[in-house]
């Protein structure tokens, strides 16, 4: 009887010790997580804009933390991968666009009516009496039987393009409310460039864009970044406000509402608007190196195969003043993701033995300017794409309350879904597939660049089945029930709840830990375009 009691007591004691150890780990992880966010999002780091005076402070801090957490230099003895970025400051003659139309003329003003930038290196660019063409959604998608450019010669002309894709308005088209890549502004500029257009404006509309006009102003005003390409045809890219677009259609003698409705139907024919502008631009263009930061935990017998954890370090720097603040600190977006890298790196470093596969931690530049650091890595990889097992990306990971559910983005595209489901089960959480993804979030974060290169990805984070709904509501009230997305108000607060943040970080840690030791290469499912890319890379 005494033996049984002793055994029970020992079991309870050991169980308590394990729970205490777990609690201590959580405290350590939370302290590390909070400290990294608070530091990176401080005013001292100036909003972390690439190529600004604050970049060196940012990337040096990340590299130093990687080193202190036991990570080796990830790029041939260096913690840095140079990323050549094109930075262009574009000035418009008279700081306006004059438009003449069949029904009169209009003058468009920057910031209020349009945002415009260039990725050309030409010092001076002049478009003389360029015609405007309404090209609907600006999509050429043979698999959906859709080509807005059919029969239109875009040379020397300005494309005016709807945001999102037709599925946003008709569930029977494309993928319904689940936006395809054809709905992203990046695609629309890429396609207009392929079509030989002289310029391209995307029409902003808050609903289908999923963000308001202030986000456009904050994101693209001032100097803009891009990856240099000698195939850039577009003299400019830009956004038109919805009100400015309607004014232009009026001046052209066309009905915007009728044109908008027609563009949503299959078989829509693009047409030239009775509008012309002479646009003169002066570019101040430079090519300079920014940096991805790379830290490595070398594997053992499978050290030539790689798991990649990533998060972007950049934000918008110092920009338009809102409520007396001009520093875009980017605490949630994405100091929190970089802090997540550090938590996971620390966990791997504390393992009693190294994983079989190597683990690469990447803090990426230029995400806010179009996934530039990730795109550069995917096309100039430090380690072979064919030997890269998976990418697990973290973006905007705090504040988050704990949830009972996980939202799985890109569900059904690869067998990484199984890893998410099983990892969530170990946390006592269920996996939920969102009914619709109108914002196109899958295409708006760095993992998409890895997917385009054929590398399977995981897109998963906490849902909205909260363990503490009252706490969530209290936090929302404290935040003022407003969006801080791409605004100076995205700042760190000590009262943030990060319990759900750590749960989500542990989920990705568990998936990476399993894949780092089981030797399996996840596969894309049939019918997914990335599958062919992956198979080609493996040849």
Protein backbone atom coordinates (compact mmCIF):
# COMPACT_ATOMS: atom_id res chain seq x y z
CA UNK A 1 0.00 0.00 0.00
CA UNK A 2 2.85 2.38 0.89
CA UNK A 3 4.54 1.49 -2.41
CA UNK A 4 1.42 2.37 -4.38
CA UNK A 5 1.03 5.64 -2.50
CA UNK A 6 4.71 6.45 -3.08
CA UNK A 7 4.37 5.68 -6.78
CA UNK A 8 1.34 7.92 -7.06
CA UNK A 9 3.08 10.68 -5.13
CA UNK A 10 6.20 10.37 -7.33
CA UNK A 11 4.05 10.45 -10.45
CA UNK A 12 2.27 13.57 -9.23
CA UNK A 13 5.59 15.15 -8.30
CA UNK A 14 7.11 14.40 -11.70
CA UNK A 15 3.97 15.57 -13.45
CA UNK A 16 4.10 18.78 -11.48
CA UNK A 17 7.77 19.21 -12.34
CA UNK A 18 7.00 18.79 -16.04
CA UNK A 19 4.20 21.34 -15.83
CA UNK A 20 6.48 23.72 -13.96
CA UNK A 21 9.16 23.25 -16.62
CA UNK A 22 6.61 23.96 -19.35
CA UNK A 23 5.41 27.04 -17.52
CA UNK A 24 9.01 28.23 -17.16
CA UNK A 25 9.59 27.68 -20.89
CA UNK A 26 6.47 29.70 -21.65
CA UNK A 27 7.67 32.54 -19.43
CA UNK A 28 11.08 32.47 -21.12
CA UNK A 29 9.53 32.34 -24.59
CA UNK A 30 7.12 35.16 -23.79
CA UNK A 31 9.90 37.35 -22.42
CA UNK A 32 12.01 36.74 -25.53
CA UNK A 33 9.02 37.35 -27.79
CA UNK A 34 7.98 40.59 -26.13
CA UNK A 35 11.51 41.95 -25.88
CA UNK A 36 12.20 41.44 -29.60
CA UNK A 37 8.92 43.09 -30.63
CA UNK A 38 9.42 46.01 -28.27
CA UNK A 39 12.95 46.59 -29.56
CA UNK A 40 12.24 46.28 -33.29
CA UNK A 41 9.09 48.40 -33.02
CA UNK A 42 10.72 51.16 -31.00
CA UNK A 43 11.07 54.64 -32.44
CA UNK A 44 14.84 54.10 -32.45
CA UNK A 45 14.39 51.66 -35.37
CA UNK A 46 12.45 54.29 -37.32
CA UNK A 47 9.88 51.98 -38.89
CA UNK A 48 12.53 49.68 -40.47
CA UNK A 49 12.27 50.81 -44.09
CA UNK A 50 14.72 49.02 -46.39
CA UNK A 51 17.65 51.15 -47.61
CA UNK A 52 16.86 53.81 -45.00
CA UNK A 53 19.32 54.87 -42.31
CA UNK A 54 17.53 52.43 -39.98
CA UNK A 55 18.16 49.27 -42.02
CA UNK A 56 21.65 48.60 -40.66
CA UNK A 57 20.47 48.93 -37.07
CA UNK A 58 17.65 46.49 -37.82
CA UNK A 59 19.55 43.76 -39.64
CA UNK A 60 22.52 43.97 -37.25
CA UNK A 61 20.17 43.52 -34.29
CA UNK A 62 18.56 40.47 -35.90
CA UNK A 63 21.93 38.94 -36.81
CA UNK A 64 23.23 39.52 -33.27
CA UNK A 65 20.15 37.86 -31.78
CA UNK A 66 20.48 34.93 -34.20
CA UNK A 67 24.09 34.51 -33.10
CA UNK A 68 23.19 34.71 -29.40
CA UNK A 69 20.53 32.04 -29.94
CA UNK A 70 23.11 29.62 -31.33
CA UNK A 71 22.47 30.05 -35.06
CA UNK A 72 25.41 29.82 -37.43
CA UNK A 73 25.81 32.30 -40.32
CA UNK A 74 23.41 31.11 -43.00
CA UNK A 75 25.09 32.39 -46.15
CA UNK A 76 28.63 31.10 -46.67
CA UNK A 77 30.00 32.49 -43.42
CA UNK A 78 27.76 35.57 -43.33
CA UNK A 79 24.43 36.28 -41.66
CA UNK A 80 23.46 38.46 -44.63
CA UNK A 81 22.21 37.78 -48.16
CA UNK A 82 22.53 40.96 -50.28
CA UNK A 83 19.30 41.80 -52.11
CA UNK A 84 19.73 44.41 -54.89
CA UNK A 85 16.75 46.74 -54.73
CA UNK A 86 15.75 49.47 -57.13
CA UNK A 87 14.57 52.55 -55.29
CA UNK A 88 12.86 55.25 -57.34
CA UNK A 89 11.58 58.65 -56.39
CA UNK A 90 9.15 59.80 -59.08
CA UNK A 91 8.11 63.42 -59.67
CA UNK A 92 5.21 64.40 -61.95
CA UNK A 93 5.42 67.63 -63.92
CA UNK A 94 3.25 70.28 -62.23
CA UNK A 95 2.46 67.65 -59.56
CA UNK A 96 -0.79 66.75 -61.29
CA UNK A 97 -2.28 64.78 -64.17
CA UNK A 98 -4.35 66.78 -66.65
CA UNK A 99 -6.93 64.67 -68.48
CA UNK A 100 -8.86 65.82 -71.53
CA UNK A 101 -12.01 63.97 -72.49
CA UNK A 102 -15.01 64.03 -74.82
CA UNK A 103 -17.10 65.73 -72.12
CA UNK A 104 -14.49 68.11 -70.76
CA UNK A 105 -11.26 68.04 -68.81
CA UNK A 106 -10.17 67.18 -65.26
CA UNK A 107 -7.10 67.67 -63.14
CA UNK A 108 -6.10 64.83 -60.81
CA UNK A 109 -4.07 65.55 -57.68
CA UNK A 110 -1.61 63.13 -56.05
CA UNK A 111 -2.58 61.49 -52.74
CA UNK A 112 -6.25 62.51 -52.94
CA UNK A 113 -6.98 61.25 -56.50
CA UNK A 114 -4.12 58.96 -57.37
CA UNK A 115 -0.85 57.43 -56.22
CA UNK A 116 1.81 56.87 -58.90
CA UNK A 117 5.32 55.43 -58.99
CA UNK A 118 7.81 54.07 -61.51
CA UNK A 119 10.17 51.11 -61.58
CA UNK A 120 12.05 52.36 -64.63
CA UNK A 121 15.59 53.69 -64.35
CA UNK A 122 15.10 56.34 -67.09
CA UNK A 123 15.71 59.81 -65.75
CA UNK A 124 12.99 61.40 -67.86
CA UNK A 125 9.85 59.75 -69.24
CA UNK A 126 7.17 61.38 -71.38
CA UNK A 127 3.88 59.87 -72.47
CA UNK A 128 2.40 62.14 -75.14
CA UNK A 129 -1.40 62.25 -75.42
CA UNK A 130 -1.67 58.69 -74.12
CA UNK A 131 -5.10 57.08 -74.41
CA UNK A 132 -6.81 55.39 -71.48
CA UNK A 133 -8.22 51.88 -71.93
CA UNK A 134 -10.68 50.28 -69.51
CA UNK A 135 -9.55 46.65 -69.39
CA UNK A 136 -12.00 45.37 -66.77
CA UNK A 137 -10.10 43.21 -64.30
CA UNK A 138 -6.99 43.20 -66.50
CA UNK A 139 -6.87 39.39 -66.48
CA UNK A 140 -5.60 36.92 -69.05
CA UNK A 141 -6.48 33.49 -67.62
CA UNK A 142 -6.88 30.75 -70.25
CA UNK A 143 -7.82 28.16 -67.63
CA UNK A 144 -10.87 30.25 -66.73
CA UNK A 145 -11.65 31.17 -70.36
CA UNK A 146 -11.05 34.83 -69.55
CA UNK A 147 -8.98 37.40 -71.46
CA UNK A 148 -9.66 41.08 -70.84
CA UNK A 149 -6.91 42.05 -73.29
CA UNK A 150 -8.24 40.11 -76.28
CA UNK A 151 -8.20 42.24 -79.42
CA UNK A 152 -6.64 45.28 -77.67
CA UNK A 153 -3.25 46.76 -78.59
CA UNK A 154 -1.99 48.36 -75.39
CA UNK A 155 1.22 49.88 -76.76
CA UNK A 156 1.52 53.49 -75.64
CA UNK A 157 -1.76 53.32 -73.69
CA UNK A 158 -2.75 53.52 -70.04
CA UNK A 159 -4.62 50.53 -68.58
CA UNK A 160 -7.42 51.27 -66.09
CA UNK A 161 -8.04 48.11 -64.07
CA UNK A 162 -10.54 46.86 -61.49
CA UNK A 163 -9.17 45.44 -58.25
CA UNK A 164 -9.78 41.78 -57.22
CA UNK A 165 -11.23 39.24 -59.69
CA UNK A 166 -14.71 38.43 -61.08
CA UNK A 167 -15.34 35.78 -58.42
CA UNK A 168 -15.72 38.51 -55.82
CA UNK A 169 -18.99 39.46 -57.51
CA UNK A 170 -20.13 36.08 -58.86
CA UNK A 171 -19.55 32.82 -56.99
CA UNK A 172 -19.75 30.92 -60.29
CA UNK A 173 -16.66 32.65 -61.69
CA UNK A 174 -13.02 31.85 -60.91
CA UNK A 175 -12.97 30.62 -57.28
CA UNK A 176 -15.87 32.69 -56.05
CA UNK A 177 -15.07 34.74 -52.96
CA UNK A 178 -11.68 32.99 -52.66
CA UNK A 179 -9.49 35.45 -54.51
CA UNK A 180 -7.08 34.03 -57.06
CA UNK A 181 -3.68 35.53 -57.83
CA UNK A 182 -5.38 37.22 -60.78
CA UNK A 183 -7.04 39.52 -58.26
CA UNK A 184 -3.82 40.84 -56.74
CA UNK A 185 -2.46 44.24 -57.75
CA UNK A 186 0.94 42.65 -58.33
CA UNK A 187 -0.52 40.39 -61.03
CA UNK A 188 -2.39 43.27 -62.68
CA UNK A 189 0.81 45.28 -63.12
CA UNK A 190 2.69 42.18 -64.31
CA UNK A 191 0.05 41.47 -66.96
CA UNK A 192 -0.19 45.10 -68.10
CA UNK A 193 3.58 45.03 -68.52
CA UNK A 194 3.38 41.83 -70.57
CA UNK A 195 0.70 43.44 -72.74
CA UNK A 196 3.05 46.36 -73.50
CA UNK A 197 1.02 49.08 -71.77
CA UNK A 198 2.68 52.42 -71.16
CA UNK A 199 1.11 52.81 -67.73
CA UNK A 200 -1.39 51.12 -65.44
CA UNK A 201 -3.82 52.33 -62.79
CA UNK A 202 -5.68 49.95 -60.48
CA UNK A 203 -9.01 51.36 -59.29
CA UNK A 204 -9.21 51.34 -55.52
CA UNK A 205 -12.40 50.11 -53.86
CA UNK A 206 -12.28 49.37 -50.14
CA UNK A 207 -14.43 46.21 -50.19
CA UNK A 208 -12.70 44.16 -52.89
CA UNK A 209 -9.29 45.63 -52.03
CA UNK A 210 -9.82 44.76 -48.31
CA UNK A 211 -8.15 48.01 -47.17
CA UNK A 212 -9.05 51.68 -47.35
CA UNK A 213 -7.49 54.52 -49.35
CA UNK A 214 -5.28 55.62 -46.45
CA UNK A 215 -3.46 52.28 -46.69
CA UNK A 216 -2.71 53.01 -50.36
CA UNK A 217 -1.44 56.46 -49.43
CA UNK A 218 0.73 55.14 -46.60
CA UNK A 219 2.09 52.23 -48.64
CA UNK A 220 3.08 53.86 -51.92
CA UNK A 221 3.60 57.56 -51.33
CA UNK A 222 7.22 58.71 -51.55
CA UNK A 223 10.08 56.61 -52.88
CA UNK A 224 9.21 53.07 -53.91
CA UNK A 225 11.17 49.85 -53.96
CA UNK A 226 11.32 47.02 -56.46
CA UNK A 227 13.57 44.32 -57.84
CA UNK A 228 15.40 45.64 -60.88
CA UNK A 229 14.24 44.23 -64.21
CA UNK A 230 15.40 45.14 -67.70
CA UNK A 231 12.01 43.93 -68.93
CA UNK A 232 10.03 46.76 -67.31
CA UNK A 233 7.85 48.35 -70.01
CA UNK A 234 5.42 50.28 -67.83
CA UNK A 235 6.44 53.91 -67.42
CA UNK A 236 4.38 53.99 -64.24
CA UNK A 237 2.16 51.96 -61.94
CA UNK A 238 -0.45 53.44 -59.67
CA UNK A 239 -3.81 53.54 -57.96
CA UNK A 240 -6.85 55.66 -58.79
CA UNK A 241 -9.35 56.53 -56.08
CA UNK A 242 -12.90 55.42 -56.73
CA UNK A 243 -14.17 59.00 -56.90
CA UNK A 244 -11.43 60.02 -59.36
CA UNK A 245 -12.28 57.04 -61.56
CA UNK A 246 -15.95 58.01 -61.73
CA UNK A 247 -14.96 61.57 -62.62
CA UNK A 248 -12.78 60.29 -65.49
CA UNK A 249 -15.60 58.14 -66.87
CA UNK A 250 -17.90 61.17 -66.76
CA UNK A 251 -15.36 63.23 -68.69
CA UNK A 252 -15.05 60.40 -71.23
CA UNK A 253 -18.82 60.37 -71.72
CA UNK A 254 -19.04 56.78 -70.45
CA UNK A 255 -21.02 55.27 -67.61
CA UNK A 256 -18.76 53.83 -64.93
CA UNK A 257 -21.60 51.85 -63.37
CA UNK A 258 -22.53 50.22 -66.68
CA UNK A 259 -18.89 49.54 -67.57
CA UNK A 260 -18.26 48.09 -64.12
CA UNK A 261 -21.28 45.79 -64.42
CA UNK A 262 -20.26 44.67 -67.93
CA UNK A 263 -16.71 43.86 -66.80
CA UNK A 264 -18.08 41.30 -64.34
CA UNK A 265 -19.54 39.20 -67.14
CA UNK A 266 -17.72 36.58 -69.16
CA UNK A 267 -17.06 37.82 -72.68
CA UNK A 268 -16.54 41.47 -71.64
CA UNK A 269 -14.75 43.51 -74.30
CA UNK A 270 -12.24 46.11 -73.15
CA UNK A 271 -12.60 49.51 -74.76
CA UNK A 272 -10.73 52.78 -75.23
CA UNK A 273 -12.01 55.64 -73.12
CA UNK A 274 -12.32 59.05 -74.79
CA UNK A 275 -9.54 60.36 -72.53
CA UNK A 276 -5.97 61.46 -73.12
CA UNK A 277 -3.12 62.69 -70.95
CA UNK A 278 0.40 63.88 -71.49
CA UNK A 279 2.35 62.67 -68.50
CA UNK A 280 5.94 63.75 -67.85
CA UNK A 281 7.90 62.01 -65.12
CA UNK A 282 11.33 62.56 -63.61
CA UNK A 283 12.87 59.56 -61.86
CA UNK A 284 15.60 59.55 -59.27
CA UNK A 285 16.60 55.87 -59.48
CA UNK A 286 19.27 54.00 -57.57
CA UNK A 287 20.17 50.33 -57.19
CA UNK A 288 21.40 49.47 -53.71
CA UNK A 289 21.76 46.33 -51.64
CA UNK A 290 19.33 45.60 -48.86
CA UNK A 291 19.71 42.40 -46.82
CA UNK A 292 17.92 39.23 -45.96
CA UNK A 293 19.23 37.93 -42.62
CA UNK A 294 19.97 34.19 -42.53
CA UNK A 295 20.80 32.00 -39.54
CA UNK A 296 21.31 28.24 -39.68
CA UNK A 297 21.07 25.23 -37.41
CA UNK A 298 23.01 22.53 -39.33
CA UNK A 299 21.40 19.12 -39.39
CA UNK A 300 23.06 15.75 -38.92
CA UNK A 301 22.67 12.93 -41.44
CA UNK A 302 20.22 14.93 -43.61
CA UNK A 303 22.02 18.26 -43.26
CA UNK A 304 21.76 18.95 -47.02
CA UNK A 305 17.95 19.17 -46.76
CA UNK A 306 16.38 22.34 -45.36
CA UNK A 307 13.38 23.54 -43.39
CA UNK A 308 12.88 27.31 -43.81
CA UNK A 309 11.24 29.52 -41.20
CA UNK A 310 10.71 33.07 -42.45
CA UNK A 311 9.34 36.46 -41.46
CA UNK A 312 9.82 39.90 -43.00
CA UNK A 313 11.67 42.52 -40.96
CA UNK A 314 10.67 45.62 -42.96
CA UNK A 315 7.89 48.17 -42.55
CA UNK A 316 7.23 51.66 -43.96
CA UNK A 317 9.72 53.80 -42.09
CA UNK A 318 8.80 57.44 -41.57
CA UNK A 319 5.89 58.67 -43.65
CA UNK A 320 2.64 60.60 -43.71
CA UNK A 321 1.72 61.96 -40.27
CA UNK A 322 -1.47 60.53 -38.75
CA UNK A 323 -2.72 61.77 -35.39
CA UNK A 324 0.62 63.48 -34.78
CA UNK A 325 2.74 60.37 -35.44
CA UNK A 326 4.86 59.75 -38.55
CA UNK A 327 6.83 56.63 -37.50
CA UNK A 328 5.31 53.43 -38.88
CA UNK A 329 6.64 51.15 -36.13
CA UNK A 330 5.18 47.91 -37.50
CA UNK A 331 4.93 46.12 -34.14
CA UNK A 332 2.43 43.52 -35.25
CA UNK A 333 3.43 43.78 -38.92
CA UNK A 334 6.00 42.40 -38.60
CA UNK A 335 8.25 42.77 -35.59
CA UNK A 336 6.07 40.00 -34.13
CA UNK A 337 6.97 37.58 -36.93
CA UNK A 338 10.70 38.19 -36.51
CA UNK A 339 10.27 37.71 -32.75
CA UNK A 340 8.57 34.40 -33.56
CA UNK A 341 11.66 33.33 -35.50
CA UNK A 342 13.73 33.95 -32.38
CA UNK A 343 11.41 31.92 -30.15
CA UNK A 344 11.54 28.95 -32.53
CA UNK A 345 15.32 29.27 -33.01
CA UNK A 346 15.76 29.22 -29.23
CA UNK A 347 13.63 26.08 -28.95
CA UNK A 348 15.62 24.24 -31.60
CA UNK A 349 18.88 25.36 -30.03
CA UNK A 350 17.84 23.89 -26.68
CA UNK A 351 17.12 20.42 -28.06
CA UNK A 352 19.34 17.70 -26.54
CA UNK A 353 20.43 16.73 -30.06
CA UNK A 354 20.38 18.53 -33.38
CA UNK A 355 17.65 17.65 -35.92
CA UNK A 356 18.51 15.47 -38.89
CA UNK A 357 17.70 18.21 -41.39
CA UNK A 358 19.11 21.74 -41.33
CA UNK A 359 16.88 24.60 -40.18
CA UNK A 360 17.25 27.97 -41.94
CA UNK A 361 15.84 31.09 -40.32
CA UNK A 362 15.24 33.96 -42.75
CA UNK A 363 14.35 37.52 -41.83
CA UNK A 364 13.36 38.96 -45.21
CA UNK A 365 13.48 42.46 -46.64
CA UNK A 366 11.01 44.30 -48.84
CA UNK A 367 7.81 42.38 -48.13
CA UNK A 368 5.75 45.54 -47.92
CA UNK A 369 6.93 46.55 -51.40
CA UNK A 370 5.83 43.30 -53.06
CA UNK A 371 7.50 40.32 -51.32
CA UNK A 372 10.86 41.44 -52.70
CA UNK A 373 13.24 39.70 -50.29
CA UNK A 374 11.32 36.44 -50.52
CA UNK A 375 11.13 36.71 -54.32
CA UNK A 376 14.86 37.29 -54.48
CA UNK A 377 15.62 34.34 -52.20
CA UNK A 378 13.29 32.07 -54.19
CA UNK A 379 15.07 32.97 -57.44
CA UNK A 380 18.57 33.20 -55.90
CA UNK A 381 18.40 30.58 -53.15
CA UNK A 382 21.26 30.11 -50.69
CA UNK A 383 20.41 26.42 -50.65
CA UNK A 384 18.88 24.47 -53.55
CA UNK A 385 15.11 24.72 -54.00
CA UNK A 386 15.03 20.99 -54.74
CA UNK A 387 16.51 20.33 -51.28
CA UNK A 388 14.14 22.71 -49.49
CA UNK A 389 11.44 20.73 -47.73
CA UNK A 390 8.97 23.40 -46.63
CA UNK A 391 8.52 27.07 -45.82
CA UNK A 392 6.81 28.12 -42.59
CA UNK A 393 6.22 31.87 -42.66
CA UNK A 394 5.11 34.17 -39.83
CA UNK A 395 3.43 37.50 -40.49
CA UNK A 396 1.57 39.67 -37.96
CA UNK A 397 1.63 37.24 -35.04
CA UNK A 398 0.64 39.55 -32.19
CA UNK A 399 -1.41 40.44 -30.30
CA UNK A 400 -3.43 37.23 -30.28
CA UNK A 401 -5.63 35.63 -27.64
CA UNK A 402 -5.71 31.85 -27.30
CA UNK A 403 -8.20 29.97 -29.46
CA UNK A 404 -9.62 26.48 -29.73
CA UNK A 405 -9.30 26.55 -33.52
CA UNK A 406 -6.74 26.97 -36.28
CA UNK A 407 -7.58 28.59 -39.61
CA UNK A 408 -5.88 26.77 -42.48
CA UNK A 409 -5.15 28.92 -45.52
CA UNK A 410 -4.62 27.30 -48.92
CA UNK A 411 -6.40 24.17 -47.70
CA UNK A 412 -6.38 21.28 -50.16
CA UNK A 413 -3.30 22.44 -52.06
CA UNK A 414 -0.70 20.15 -50.48
CA UNK A 415 -0.34 17.33 -47.98
CA UNK A 416 1.10 19.78 -45.46
CA UNK A 417 -2.56 20.05 -44.38
CA UNK A 418 -2.08 16.75 -42.52
CA UNK A 419 0.84 18.14 -40.54
CA UNK A 420 -1.23 21.13 -39.47
CA UNK A 421 -4.17 18.96 -38.42
CA UNK A 422 -1.98 16.61 -36.38
CA UNK A 423 0.03 19.43 -34.76
CA UNK A 424 -3.19 21.25 -33.85
CA UNK A 425 -4.57 18.06 -32.29
CA UNK A 426 -1.59 17.87 -29.93
CA UNK A 427 -2.64 21.33 -28.70
CA UNK A 428 -6.26 20.26 -28.34
CA UNK A 429 -7.25 22.53 -31.22
CA UNK A 430 -9.37 21.87 -34.29
CA UNK A 431 -8.65 23.02 -37.84
CA UNK A 432 -11.09 25.18 -39.76
CA UNK A 433 -11.04 26.04 -43.46
CA UNK A 434 -12.27 29.61 -44.11
CA UNK A 435 -15.46 29.77 -46.16
CA UNK A 436 -14.07 32.60 -48.26
CA UNK A 437 -10.81 34.49 -48.59
CA UNK A 438 -11.81 37.68 -50.36
CA UNK A 439 -8.68 39.57 -49.33
CA UNK A 440 -6.33 37.21 -51.17
CA UNK A 441 -4.22 36.84 -48.05
CA UNK A 442 -2.56 33.74 -49.48
CA UNK A 443 -0.87 35.91 -52.12
CA UNK A 444 0.02 38.81 -49.84
CA UNK A 445 2.73 37.30 -47.65
CA UNK A 446 6.23 35.95 -48.26
CA UNK A 447 5.25 32.28 -48.31
CA UNK A 448 3.72 32.88 -51.76
CA UNK A 449 7.15 33.52 -53.28
CA UNK A 450 8.31 30.15 -51.98
CA UNK A 451 5.16 28.47 -53.29
CA UNK A 452 5.74 29.96 -56.76
CA UNK A 453 9.20 28.35 -56.67
CA UNK A 454 7.52 24.99 -55.97
CA UNK A 455 8.32 24.78 -52.25
CA UNK A 456 5.34 23.55 -50.17
CA UNK A 457 4.18 26.02 -47.53
CA UNK A 458 2.07 26.15 -44.40
CA UNK A 459 -0.42 28.98 -43.89
CA UNK A 460 -2.05 28.54 -40.49
CA UNK A 461 -2.94 30.71 -37.51
CA UNK A 462 -5.42 30.99 -34.67
CA UNK A 463 -9.09 31.46 -35.51
CA UNK A 464 -11.83 33.20 -33.56
CA UNK A 465 -13.15 30.51 -31.20
CA UNK A 466 -11.59 32.26 -28.23
CA UNK A 467 -11.00 30.75 -24.82
CA UNK A 468 -11.56 34.20 -23.32
CA UNK A 469 -14.08 36.15 -25.45
CA UNK A 470 -14.48 38.83 -22.77
CA UNK A 471 -10.71 39.44 -22.79
CA UNK A 472 -10.74 39.79 -26.57
CA UNK A 473 -13.54 42.33 -26.38
CA UNK A 474 -11.71 44.26 -23.67
CA UNK A 475 -8.58 44.39 -25.84
CA UNK A 476 -10.60 45.53 -28.84
CA UNK A 477 -12.07 48.36 -26.78
CA UNK A 478 -8.58 49.34 -25.63
CA UNK A 479 -7.39 49.35 -29.26
CA UNK A 480 -10.32 51.59 -30.11
CA UNK A 481 -12.04 49.11 -32.44
CA UNK A 482 -9.90 50.41 -35.28
CA UNK A 483 -7.48 48.89 -37.74
CA UNK A 484 -3.82 49.68 -37.18
CA UNK A 485 -2.84 48.00 -40.44
CA UNK A 486 -0.06 49.97 -42.17
CA UNK A 487 -0.52 52.92 -39.83
CA UNK A 488 1.71 54.61 -37.24
CA UNK A 489 -0.62 53.24 -34.54
CA UNK A 490 0.79 49.72 -35.08
CA UNK A 491 2.86 50.00 -31.91
CA UNK A 492 3.83 47.56 -29.16
CA UNK A 493 1.93 47.66 -25.86
CA UNK A 494 2.85 45.81 -22.69
CA UNK A 495 -0.81 44.95 -22.14
CA UNK A 496 -0.97 42.94 -25.36
CA UNK A 497 -2.20 39.39 -24.89
CA UNK A 498 0.23 37.04 -26.67
CA UNK A 499 -1.02 33.67 -25.40
CA UNK A 500 -2.48 32.82 -28.79
CA UNK A 501 0.64 34.15 -30.51
CA UNK A 502 2.81 31.64 -28.64
CA UNK A 503 0.33 28.82 -29.32
CA UNK A 504 0.56 29.55 -33.06
CA UNK A 505 4.35 29.78 -32.90
CA UNK A 506 4.51 26.43 -31.09
CA UNK A 507 2.27 24.94 -33.80
CA UNK A 508 4.79 25.90 -36.51
CA UNK A 509 7.67 24.77 -34.30
CA UNK A 510 6.04 21.34 -33.93
CA UNK A 511 5.51 20.97 -37.68
CA UNK A 512 9.10 21.95 -38.43
CA UNK A 513 10.47 19.70 -35.69
CA UNK A 514 8.60 16.71 -37.09
CA UNK A 515 9.65 17.37 -40.68
CA UNK A 516 13.24 18.01 -39.61
CA UNK A 517 13.47 14.41 -38.44
CA UNK A 518 11.08 12.25 -40.47
CA UNK A 519 12.80 12.58 -43.87
CA UNK A 520 9.56 13.15 -45.80
CA UNK A 521 9.17 15.73 -48.59
CA UNK A 522 5.61 17.17 -48.65
CA UNK A 523 3.89 17.18 -52.03
CA UNK A 524 1.53 19.49 -53.85
CA UNK A 525 -1.83 17.99 -54.77
CA UNK A 526 -2.98 17.33 -58.31
CA UNK A 527 -4.25 20.36 -60.20
CA UNK A 528 -2.22 22.84 -58.17
CA UNK A 529 0.06 24.88 -60.49
CA UNK A 530 2.97 24.75 -58.04
CA UNK A 531 3.10 20.95 -58.42
CA UNK A 532 4.56 21.16 -61.93
CA UNK A 533 7.13 23.74 -60.79
CA UNK A 534 8.18 21.45 -57.95
CA UNK A 535 8.51 18.42 -60.19
CA UNK A 536 10.65 20.38 -62.65
CA UNK A 537 12.99 21.49 -59.84
CA UNK A 538 13.48 17.88 -58.75
CA UNK A 539 14.65 16.68 -62.17
